[in-house]
Amino acid sequence: GIALPPFKYVMSDLPLKNITGWQQHPGLVPFVEQG
């Protein structure tokens, strides 16, 4: 409950298949929606 800088987590990799998998994963979608 303290003031902190905003942050953005960026998942990266070389294979596009991995990125497509992350975009569709139900565990990760809520964090995308939170920005």
Full PDB file with SEQRES, HELIX, SHEET, SSBOND, CRYST1, ORIGX, SCALE, CONECT and MASTER records, all heavy atoms in Angstrom:
SEQRES   1 A   35  GLY ILE ALA LEU PRO PRO PHE LYS TYR VAL MET SER ASP          
SEQRES   2 A   35  LEU PRO LEU LYS ASN ILE THR GLY TRP GLN GLN HIS PRO          
SEQRES   3 A   35  GLY LEU VAL PRO PHE VAL GLU GLN GLY                          
HELIX    1 AA1 LEU A   16  GLN A   24  1                                   9    
HELIX    2 AA2 VAL A   29  GLU A   33  1                                   5    
CRYST1    1.000    1.000    1.000  90.00  90.00  90.00 P 1           1          
ORIGX1      1.000000  0.000000  0.000000        0.00000                         
ORIGX2      0.000000  1.000000  0.000000        0.00000                         
ORIGX3      0.000000  0.000000  1.000000        0.00000                         
SCALE1      1.000000  0.000000  0.000000        0.00000                         
SCALE2      0.000000  1.000000  0.000000        0.00000                         
SCALE3      0.000000  0.000000  1.000000        0.00000                         
ATOM      1  N   GLY A   1       0.790  -1.222   0.000  1.00  0.00           N  
ATOM      2  CA  GLY A   1       0.000   0.000   0.000  1.00  0.00           C  
ATOM      3  C   GLY A   1       0.824   1.274   0.000  1.00  0.00           C  
ATOM      4  O   GLY A   1       0.441   2.271   0.606  1.00  0.00           O  
ATOM      5  N   ILE A   2       1.974   1.247  -0.679  1.00  0.00           N  
ATOM      6  CA  ILE A   2       2.849   2.418  -0.719  1.00  0.00           C  
ATOM      7  C   ILE A   2       2.973   2.926  -2.155  1.00  0.00           C  
ATOM      8  O   ILE A   2       2.728   2.187  -3.113  1.00  0.00           O  
ATOM      9  CB  ILE A   2       4.246   2.101  -0.147  1.00  0.00           C  
ATOM     10  CG1 ILE A   2       4.880   0.917  -0.904  1.00  0.00           C  
ATOM     11  CG2 ILE A   2       4.167   1.800   1.341  1.00  0.00           C  
ATOM     12  CD1 ILE A   2       6.289   0.563  -0.449  1.00  0.00           C  
ATOM     13  N   ALA A   3       3.361   4.174  -2.296  1.00  0.00           N  
ATOM     14  CA  ALA A   3       3.525   4.767  -3.627  1.00  0.00           C  
ATOM     15  C   ALA A   3       4.769   4.194  -4.302  1.00  0.00           C  
ATOM     16  O   ALA A   3       5.856   4.204  -3.722  1.00  0.00           O  
ATOM     17  CB  ALA A   3       3.640   6.284  -3.510  1.00  0.00           C  
ATOM     18  N   LEU A   4       4.592   3.690  -5.504  1.00  0.00           N  
ATOM     19  CA  LEU A   4       5.691   3.100  -6.265  1.00  0.00           C  
ATOM     20  C   LEU A   4       5.584   3.537  -7.724  1.00  0.00           C  
ATOM     21  O   LEU A   4       4.486   3.882  -8.190  1.00  0.00           O  
ATOM     22  CB  LEU A   4       5.636   1.567  -6.199  1.00  0.00           C  
ATOM     23  CG  LEU A   4       5.836   0.917  -4.832  1.00  0.00           C  
ATOM     24  CD1 LEU A   4       5.473  -0.559  -4.898  1.00  0.00           C  
ATOM     25  CD2 LEU A   4       7.279   1.093  -4.356  1.00  0.00           C  
ATOM     26  N   PRO A   5       6.678   3.506  -8.464  1.00  0.00           N  
ATOM     27  CA  PRO A   5       6.590   3.816  -9.892  1.00  0.00           C  
ATOM     28  C   PRO A   5       5.738   2.776 -10.612  1.00  0.00           C  
ATOM     29  O   PRO A   5       5.715   1.603 -10.212  1.00  0.00           O  
ATOM     30  CB  PRO A   5       8.049   3.739 -10.362  1.00  0.00           C  
ATOM     31  CG  PRO A   5       8.876   3.824  -9.124  1.00  0.00           C  
ATOM     32  CD  PRO A   5       8.060   3.229  -8.032  1.00  0.00           C  
ATOM     33  N   PRO A   6       5.038   3.162 -11.667  1.00  0.00           N  
ATOM     34  CA  PRO A   6       4.347   2.164 -12.487  1.00  0.00           C  
ATOM     35  C   PRO A   6       5.364   1.272 -13.191  1.00  0.00           C  
ATOM     36  O   PRO A   6       6.535   1.641 -13.342  1.00  0.00           O  
ATOM     37  CB  PRO A   6       3.564   3.018 -13.488  1.00  0.00           C  
ATOM     38  CG  PRO A   6       4.323   4.304 -13.565  1.00  0.00           C  
ATOM     39  CD  PRO A   6       4.909   4.527 -12.197  1.00  0.00           C  
ATOM     40  N   PHE A   7       4.922   0.096 -13.594  1.00  0.00           N  
ATOM     41  CA  PHE A   7       5.843  -0.812 -14.286  1.00  0.00           C  
ATOM     42  C   PHE A   7       5.101  -1.545 -15.393  1.00  0.00           C  
ATOM     43  O   PHE A   7       3.873  -1.640 -15.393  1.00  0.00           O  
ATOM     44  CB  PHE A   7       6.443  -1.826 -13.298  1.00  0.00           C  
ATOM     45  CG  PHE A   7       5.462  -2.856 -12.809  1.00  0.00           C  
ATOM     46  CD1 PHE A   7       5.280  -4.053 -13.491  1.00  0.00           C  
ATOM     47  CD2 PHE A   7       4.705  -2.629 -11.672  1.00  0.00           C  
ATOM     48  CE1 PHE A   7       4.371  -5.001 -13.048  1.00  0.00           C  
ATOM     49  CE2 PHE A   7       3.788  -3.565 -11.212  1.00  0.00           C  
ATOM     50  CZ  PHE A   7       3.624  -4.759 -11.902  1.00  0.00           C  
ATOM     51  N   LYS A   8       5.889  -2.047 -16.336  1.00  0.00           N  
ATOM     52  CA  LYS A   8       5.347  -2.924 -17.369  1.00  0.00           C  
ATOM     53  C   LYS A   8       6.315  -4.092 -17.543  1.00  0.00           C  
ATOM     54  O   LYS A   8       7.514  -3.898 -17.725  1.00  0.00           O  
ATOM     55  CB  LYS A   8       5.157  -2.196 -18.697  1.00  0.00           C  
ATOM     56  CG  LYS A   8       4.627  -3.113 -19.824  1.00  0.00           C  
ATOM     57  CD  LYS A   8       3.953  -2.331 -20.917  1.00  0.00           C  
ATOM     58  CE  LYS A   8       2.630  -1.782 -20.459  1.00  0.00           C  
ATOM     59  NZ  LYS A   8       1.845  -1.176 -21.575  1.00  0.00           N  
ATOM     60  N   TYR A   9       5.764  -5.291 -17.466  1.00  0.00           N  
ATOM     61  CA  TYR A   9       6.545  -6.519 -17.649  1.00  0.00           C  
ATOM     62  C   TYR A   9       6.453  -6.908 -19.121  1.00  0.00           C  
ATOM     63  O   TYR A   9       5.355  -7.007 -19.679  1.00  0.00           O  
ATOM     64  CB  TYR A   9       5.965  -7.612 -16.759  1.00  0.00           C  
ATOM     65  CG  TYR A   9       6.842  -8.827 -16.547  1.00  0.00           C  
ATOM     66  CD1 TYR A   9       7.461  -9.045 -15.322  1.00  0.00           C  
ATOM     67  CD2 TYR A   9       7.033  -9.776 -17.549  1.00  0.00           C  
ATOM     68  CE1 TYR A   9       8.249 -10.168 -15.101  1.00  0.00           C  
ATOM     69  CE2 TYR A   9       7.816 -10.894 -17.340  1.00  0.00           C  
ATOM     70  CZ  TYR A   9       8.422 -11.095 -16.112  1.00  0.00           C  
ATOM     71  OH  TYR A   9       9.207 -12.211 -15.894  1.00  0.00           O  
ATOM     72  N   VAL A  10       7.593  -7.130 -19.752  1.00  0.00           N  
ATOM     73  CA  VAL A  10       7.630  -7.493 -21.168  1.00  0.00           C  
ATOM     74  C   VAL A  10       8.236  -8.886 -21.308  1.00  0.00           C  
ATOM     75  O   VAL A  10       9.409  -9.099 -21.019  1.00  0.00           O  
ATOM     76  CB  VAL A  10       8.453  -6.478 -21.996  1.00  0.00           C  
ATOM     77  CG1 VAL A  10       8.470  -6.889 -23.466  1.00  0.00           C  
ATOM     78  CG2 VAL A  10       7.888  -5.070 -21.842  1.00  0.00           C  
ATOM     79  N   MET A  11       7.411  -9.831 -21.722  1.00  0.00           N  
ATOM     80  CA  MET A  11       7.899 -11.176 -22.019  1.00  0.00           C  
ATOM     81  C   MET A  11       8.437 -11.193 -23.443  1.00  0.00           C  
ATOM     82  O   MET A  11       7.752 -10.752 -24.370  1.00  0.00           O  
ATOM     83  CB  MET A  11       6.774 -12.195 -21.872  1.00  0.00           C  
ATOM     84  CG  MET A  11       6.205 -12.311 -20.477  1.00  0.00           C  
ATOM     85  SD  MET A  11       4.695 -13.337 -20.434  1.00  0.00           S  
ATOM     86  CE  MET A  11       5.363 -14.939 -20.910  1.00  0.00           C  
ATOM     87  N   SER A  12       9.652 -11.713 -23.618  1.00  0.00           N  
ATOM     88  CA  SER A  12      10.232 -11.737 -24.962  1.00  0.00           C  
ATOM     89  C   SER A  12      10.831 -13.096 -25.262  1.00  0.00           C  
ATOM     90  O   SER A  12      11.223 -13.844 -24.368  1.00  0.00           O  
ATOM     91  CB  SER A  12      11.310 -10.654 -25.104  1.00  0.00           C  
ATOM     92  OG  SER A  12      12.491 -11.017 -24.415  1.00  0.00           O  
ATOM     93  N   ASP A  13      10.881 -13.406 -26.538  1.00  0.00           N  
ATOM     94  CA  ASP A  13      11.529 -14.616 -27.036  1.00  0.00           C  
ATOM     95  C   ASP A  13      11.663 -14.457 -28.534  1.00  0.00           C  
ATOM     96  O   ASP A  13      11.112 -13.514 -29.132  1.00  0.00           O  
ATOM     97  CB  ASP A  13      10.725 -15.859 -26.677  1.00  0.00           C  
ATOM     98  CG  ASP A  13      11.636 -17.052 -26.335  1.00  0.00           C  
ATOM     99  OD1 ASP A  13      12.778 -17.093 -26.833  1.00  0.00           O  
ATOM    100  OD2 ASP A  13      11.204 -17.931 -25.566  1.00  0.00           O  
ATOM    101  N   LEU A  14      12.365 -15.371 -29.153  1.00  0.00           N  
ATOM    102  CA  LEU A  14      12.536 -15.311 -30.606  1.00  0.00           C  
ATOM    103  C   LEU A  14      11.402 -16.005 -31.358  1.00  0.00           C  
ATOM    104  O   LEU A  14      10.869 -15.443 -32.318  1.00  0.00           O  
ATOM    105  CB  LEU A  14      13.888 -15.904 -30.997  1.00  0.00           C  
ATOM    106  CG  LEU A  14      14.350 -15.652 -32.428  1.00  0.00           C  
ATOM    107  CD1 LEU A  14      14.396 -14.162 -32.732  1.00  0.00           C  
ATOM    108  CD2 LEU A  14      15.717 -16.277 -32.665  1.00  0.00           C  
ATOM    109  N   PRO A  15      10.973 -17.224 -30.950  1.00  0.00           N  
ATOM    110  CA  PRO A  15       9.919 -17.908 -31.714  1.00  0.00           C  
ATOM    111  C   PRO A  15       8.559 -17.213 -31.576  1.00  0.00           C  
ATOM    112  O   PRO A  15       8.073 -16.970 -30.462  1.00  0.00           O  
ATOM    113  CB  PRO A  15       9.873 -19.305 -31.080  1.00  0.00           C  
ATOM    114  CG  PRO A  15      11.189 -19.469 -30.377  1.00  0.00           C  
ATOM    115  CD  PRO A  15      11.555 -18.100 -29.907  1.00  0.00           C  
ATOM    116  N   LEU A  16       7.937 -16.916 -32.692  1.00  0.00           N  
ATOM    117  CA  LEU A  16       6.612 -16.292 -32.679  1.00  0.00           C  
ATOM    118  C   LEU A  16       5.562 -17.214 -32.074  1.00  0.00           C  
ATOM    119  O   LEU A  16       4.562 -16.754 -31.502  1.00  0.00           O  
ATOM    120  CB  LEU A  16       6.209 -15.905 -34.103  1.00  0.00           C  
ATOM    121  CG  LEU A  16       6.810 -14.598 -34.638  1.00  0.00           C  
ATOM    122  CD1 LEU A  16       6.500 -14.434 -36.115  1.00  0.00           C  
ATOM    123  CD2 LEU A  16       6.302 -13.396 -33.849  1.00  0.00           C  
ATOM    124  N   LYS A  17       5.769 -18.542 -32.202  1.00  0.00           N  
ATOM    125  CA  LYS A  17       4.813 -19.487 -31.619  1.00  0.00           C  
ATOM    126  C   LYS A  17       4.693 -19.289 -30.113  1.00  0.00           C  
ATOM    127  O   LYS A  17       3.605 -19.445 -29.546  1.00  0.00           O  
ATOM    128  CB  LYS A  17       5.229 -20.929 -31.924  1.00  0.00           C  
ATOM    129  CG  LYS A  17       4.933 -21.394 -33.334  1.00  0.00           C  
ATOM    130  CD  LYS A  17       5.269 -22.862 -33.491  1.00  0.00           C  
ATOM    131  CE  LYS A  17       4.919 -23.367 -34.883  1.00  0.00           C  
ATOM    132  NZ  LYS A  17       5.234 -24.810 -35.059  1.00  0.00           N  
ATOM    133  N   ASN A  18       5.800 -18.983 -29.457  1.00  0.00           N  
ATOM    134  CA  ASN A  18       5.746 -18.748 -28.014  1.00  0.00           C  
ATOM    135  C   ASN A  18       4.896 -17.536 -27.688  1.00  0.00           C  
ATOM    136  O   ASN A  18       4.086 -17.549 -26.762  1.00  0.00           O  
ATOM    137  CB  ASN A  18       7.157 -18.561 -27.447  1.00  0.00           C  
ATOM    138  CG  ASN A  18       7.951 -19.853 -27.408  1.00  0.00           C  
ATOM    139  OD1 ASN A  18       7.437 -20.915 -27.759  1.00  0.00           O  
ATOM    140  ND2 ASN A  18       9.193 -19.767 -26.996  1.00  0.00           N  
ATOM    141  N   ILE A  19       5.095 -16.455 -28.448  1.00  0.00           N  
ATOM    142  CA  ILE A  19       4.359 -15.219 -28.188  1.00  0.00           C  
ATOM    143  C   ILE A  19       2.865 -15.433 -28.406  1.00  0.00           C  
ATOM    144  O   ILE A  19       2.032 -14.984 -27.605  1.00  0.00           O  
ATOM    145  CB  ILE A  19       4.894 -14.085 -29.086  1.00  0.00           C  
ATOM    146  CG1 ILE A  19       6.374 -13.822 -28.756  1.00  0.00           C  
ATOM    147  CG2 ILE A  19       4.074 -12.821 -28.917  1.00  0.00           C  
ATOM    148  CD1 ILE A  19       7.075 -12.884 -29.702  1.00  0.00           C  
ATOM    149  N   THR A  20       2.513 -16.160 -29.458  1.00  0.00           N  
ATOM    150  CA  THR A  20       1.103 -16.470 -29.704  1.00  0.00           C  
ATOM    151  C   THR A  20       0.528 -17.267 -28.540  1.00  0.00           C  
ATOM    152  O   THR A  20      -0.605 -17.023 -28.097  1.00  0.00           O  
ATOM    153  CB  THR A  20       0.956 -17.268 -31.017  1.00  0.00           C  
ATOM    154  OG1 THR A  20       1.482 -16.501 -32.097  1.00  0.00           O  
ATOM    155  CG2 THR A  20      -0.501 -17.595 -31.288  1.00  0.00           C  
ATOM    156  N   GLY A  21       1.313 -18.216 -28.026  1.00  0.00           N  
ATOM    157  CA  GLY A  21       0.866 -19.009 -26.887  1.00  0.00           C  
ATOM    158  C   GLY A  21       0.636 -18.164 -25.652  1.00  0.00           C  
ATOM    159  O   GLY A  21      -0.357 -18.349 -24.927  1.00  0.00           O  
ATOM    160  N   TRP A  22       1.534 -17.213 -25.389  1.00  0.00           N  
ATOM    161  CA  TRP A  22       1.360 -16.329 -24.219  1.00  0.00           C  
ATOM    162  C   TRP A  22       0.096 -15.484 -24.357  1.00  0.00           C  
ATOM    163  O   TRP A  22      -0.641 -15.307 -23.388  1.00  0.00           O  
ATOM    164  CB  TRP A  22       2.556 -15.381 -24.086  1.00  0.00           C  
ATOM    165  CG  TRP A  22       3.880 -16.028 -23.962  1.00  0.00           C  
ATOM    166  CD1 TRP A  22       4.159 -17.276 -23.493  1.00  0.00           C  
ATOM    167  CD2 TRP A  22       5.137 -15.447 -24.334  1.00  0.00           C  
ATOM    168  NE1 TRP A  22       5.510 -17.514 -23.543  1.00  0.00           N  
ATOM    169  CE2 TRP A  22       6.125 -16.406 -24.066  1.00  0.00           C  
ATOM    170  CE3 TRP A  22       5.512 -14.218 -24.876  1.00  0.00           C  
ATOM    171  CZ2 TRP A  22       7.483 -16.164 -24.296  1.00  0.00           C  
ATOM    172  CZ3 TRP A  22       6.858 -13.975 -25.116  1.00  0.00           C  
ATOM    173  CH2 TRP A  22       7.829 -14.940 -24.829  1.00  0.00           C  
ATOM    174  N   GLN A  23      -0.121 -14.955 -25.548  1.00  0.00           N  
ATOM    175  CA  GLN A  23      -1.270 -14.062 -25.759  1.00  0.00           C  
ATOM    176  C   GLN A  23      -2.590 -14.765 -25.489  1.00  0.00           C  
ATOM    177  O   GLN A  23      -3.579 -14.121 -25.122  1.00  0.00           O  
ATOM    178  CB  GLN A  23      -1.250 -13.507 -27.187  1.00  0.00           C  
ATOM    179  CG  GLN A  23      -0.113 -12.530 -27.447  1.00  0.00           C  
ATOM    180  CD  GLN A  23      -0.022 -12.139 -28.916  1.00  0.00           C  
ATOM    181  OE1 GLN A  23      -0.117 -12.981 -29.808  1.00  0.00           O  
ATOM    182  NE2 GLN A  23       0.145 -10.857 -29.182  1.00  0.00           N  
ATOM    183  N   GLN A  24      -2.596 -16.085 -25.646  1.00  0.00           N  
ATOM    184  CA  GLN A  24      -3.831 -16.848 -25.480  1.00  0.00           C  
ATOM    185  C   GLN A  24      -3.924 -17.544 -24.130  1.00  0.00           C  
ATOM    186  O   GLN A  24      -4.958 -18.146 -23.814  1.00  0.00           O  
ATOM    187  CB  GLN A  24      -3.939 -17.901 -26.600  1.00  0.00           C  
ATOM    188  CG  GLN A  24      -3.966 -17.298 -27.994  1.00  0.00           C  
ATOM    189  CD  GLN A  24      -3.819 -18.350 -29.093  1.00  0.00           C  
ATOM    190  OE1 GLN A  24      -3.544 -19.532 -28.811  1.00  0.00           O  
ATOM    191  NE2 GLN A  24      -3.992 -17.929 -30.331  1.00  0.00           N  
ATOM    192  N   HIS A  25      -2.871 -17.470 -23.323  1.00  0.00           N  
ATOM    193  CA  HIS A  25      -2.855 -18.244 -22.079  1.00  0.00           C  
ATOM    194  C   HIS A  25      -3.756 -17.583 -21.035  1.00  0.00           C  
ATOM    195  O   HIS A  25      -3.597 -16.410 -20.717  1.00  0.00           O  
ATOM    196  CB  HIS A  25      -1.430 -18.359 -21.542  1.00  0.00           C  
ATOM    197  CG  HIS A  25      -1.271 -19.467 -20.545  1.00  0.00           C  
ATOM    198  ND1 HIS A  25      -1.820 -19.407 -19.278  1.00  0.00           N  
ATOM    199  CD2 HIS A  25      -0.649 -20.669 -20.627  1.00  0.00           C  
ATOM    200  CE1 HIS A  25      -1.536 -20.516 -18.630  1.00  0.00           C  
ATOM    201  NE2 HIS A  25      -0.832 -21.304 -19.429  1.00  0.00           N  
ATOM    202  N   PRO A  26      -4.703 -18.347 -20.460  1.00  0.00           N  
ATOM    203  CA  PRO A  26      -5.637 -17.759 -19.493  1.00  0.00           C  
ATOM    204  C   PRO A  26      -4.965 -17.216 -18.234  1.00  0.00           C  
ATOM    205  O   PRO A  26      -5.513 -16.336 -17.571  1.00  0.00           O  
ATOM    206  CB  PRO A  26      -6.576 -18.927 -19.155  1.00  0.00           C  
ATOM    207  CG  PRO A  26      -5.830 -20.170 -19.546  1.00  0.00           C  
ATOM    208  CD  PRO A  26      -4.982 -19.778 -20.704  1.00  0.00           C  
ATOM    209  N   GLY A  27      -3.774 -17.717 -17.915  1.00  0.00           N  
ATOM    210  CA  GLY A  27      -3.073 -17.204 -16.746  1.00  0.00           C  
ATOM    211  C   GLY A  27      -2.447 -15.838 -16.969  1.00  0.00           C  
ATOM    212  O   GLY A  27      -2.200 -15.091 -16.011  1.00  0.00           O  
ATOM    213  N   LEU A  28      -2.180 -15.487 -18.232  1.00  0.00           N  
ATOM    214  CA  LEU A  28      -1.502 -14.233 -18.550  1.00  0.00           C  
ATOM    215  C   LEU A  28      -2.454 -13.128 -19.012  1.00  0.00           C  
ATOM    216  O   LEU A  28      -2.150 -11.943 -18.856  1.00  0.00           O  
ATOM    217  CB  LEU A  28      -0.433 -14.474 -19.625  1.00  0.00           C  
ATOM    218  CG  LEU A  28       0.690 -15.442 -19.239  1.00  0.00           C  
ATOM    219  CD1 LEU A  28       1.593 -15.720 -20.435  1.00  0.00           C  
ATOM    220  CD2 LEU A  28       1.502 -14.902 -18.074  1.00  0.00           C  
ATOM    221  N   VAL A  29      -3.588 -13.524 -19.568  1.00  0.00           N  
ATOM    222  CA  VAL A  29      -4.534 -12.537 -20.105  1.00  0.00           C  
ATOM    223  C   VAL A  29      -4.932 -11.474 -19.077  1.00  0.00           C  
ATOM    224  O   VAL A  29      -4.985 -10.277 -19.406  1.00  0.00           O  
ATOM    225  CB  VAL A  29      -5.776 -13.250 -20.679  1.00  0.00           C  
ATOM    226  CG1 VAL A  29      -6.891 -12.254 -20.984  1.00  0.00           C  
ATOM    227  CG2 VAL A  29      -5.401 -14.016 -21.951  1.00  0.00           C  
ATOM    228  N   PRO A  30      -5.215 -11.848 -17.816  1.00  0.00           N  
ATOM    229  CA  PRO A  30      -5.603 -10.803 -16.845  1.00  0.00           C  
ATOM    230  C   PRO A  30      -4.544  -9.714 -16.660  1.00  0.00           C  
ATOM    231  O   PRO A  30      -4.890  -8.542 -16.456  1.00  0.00           O  
ATOM    232  CB  PRO A  30      -5.821 -11.586 -15.551  1.00  0.00           C  
ATOM    233  CG  PRO A  30      -6.173 -12.971 -15.996  1.00  0.00           C  
ATOM    234  CD  PRO A  30      -5.344 -13.196 -17.217  1.00  0.00           C  
ATOM    235  N   PHE A  31      -3.266 -10.090 -16.730  1.00  0.00           N  
ATOM    236  CA  PHE A  31      -2.205  -9.086 -16.570  1.00  0.00           C  
ATOM    237  C   PHE A  31      -2.137  -8.162 -17.782  1.00  0.00           C  
ATOM    238  O   PHE A  31      -1.818  -6.979 -17.656  1.00  0.00           O  
ATOM    239  CB  PHE A  31      -0.862  -9.770 -16.325  1.00  0.00           C  
ATOM    240  CG  PHE A  31      -0.827 -10.604 -15.078  1.00  0.00           C  
ATOM    241  CD1 PHE A  31      -0.613 -11.963 -15.137  1.00  0.00           C  
ATOM    242  CD2 PHE A  31      -1.021 -10.022 -13.834  1.00  0.00           C  
ATOM    243  CE1 PHE A  31      -0.590 -12.737 -13.989  1.00  0.00           C  
ATOM    244  CE2 PHE A  31      -1.000 -10.775 -12.673  1.00  0.00           C  
ATOM    245  CZ  PHE A  31      -0.789 -12.140 -12.756  1.00  0.00           C  
ATOM    246  N   VAL A  32      -2.431  -8.701 -18.966  1.00  0.00           N  
ATOM    247  CA  VAL A  32      -2.510  -7.861 -20.165  1.00  0.00           C  
ATOM    248  C   VAL A  32      -3.648  -6.863 -20.010  1.00  0.00           C  
ATOM    249  O   VAL A  32      -3.505  -5.667 -20.307  1.00  0.00           O  
ATOM    250  CB  VAL A  32      -2.720  -8.723 -21.427  1.00  0.00           C  
ATOM    251  CG1 VAL A  32      -2.912  -7.834 -22.655  1.00  0.00           C  
ATOM    252  CG2 VAL A  32      -1.535  -9.665 -21.638  1.00  0.00           C  
ATOM    253  N   GLU A  33      -4.789  -7.352 -19.523  1.00  0.00           N  
ATOM    254  CA  GLU A  33      -5.961  -6.490 -19.347  1.00  0.00           C  
ATOM    255  C   GLU A  33      -5.707  -5.393 -18.312  1.00  0.00           C  
ATOM    256  O   GLU A  33      -6.279  -4.297 -18.405  1.00  0.00           O  
ATOM    257  CB  GLU A  33      -7.165  -7.338 -18.954  1.00  0.00           C  
ATOM    258  CG  GLU A  33      -7.625  -8.282 -20.075  1.00  0.00           C  
ATOM    259  CD  GLU A  33      -8.709  -9.245 -19.638  1.00  0.00           C  
ATOM    260  OE1 GLU A  33      -8.914  -9.381 -18.396  1.00  0.00           O  
ATOM    261  OE2 GLU A  33      -9.344  -9.867 -20.508  1.00  0.00           O  
ATOM    262  N   GLN A  34      -4.845  -5.684 -17.331  1.00  0.00           N  
ATOM    263  CA  GLN A  34      -4.492  -4.667 -16.332  1.00  0.00           C  
ATOM    264  C   GLN A  34      -3.500  -3.650 -16.870  1.00  0.00           C  
ATOM    265  O   GLN A  34      -3.225  -2.638 -16.216  1.00  0.00           O  
ATOM    266  CB  GLN A  34      -3.892  -5.339 -15.095  1.00  0.00           C  
ATOM    267  CG  GLN A  34      -4.852  -6.197 -14.293  1.00  0.00           C  
ATOM    268  CD  GLN A  34      -4.128  -6.943 -13.186  1.00  0.00           C  
ATOM    269  OE1 GLN A  34      -3.317  -6.380 -12.440  1.00  0.00           O  
ATOM    270  NE2 GLN A  34      -4.413  -8.229 -13.069  1.00  0.00           N  
ATOM    271  N   GLY A  35      -2.929  -3.919 -18.047  1.00  0.00           N  
ATOM    272  CA  GLY A  35      -1.978  -2.989 -18.650  1.00  0.00           C  
ATOM    273  C   GLY A  35      -0.563  -3.110 -18.121  1.00  0.00           C  
ATOM    274  O   GLY A  35       0.261  -2.219 -18.342  1.00  0.00           O  
TER     275      GLY A  35                                                      
MASTER        0    0    0    2    0    0    0    6  274    1    0    3          
END                                                                             
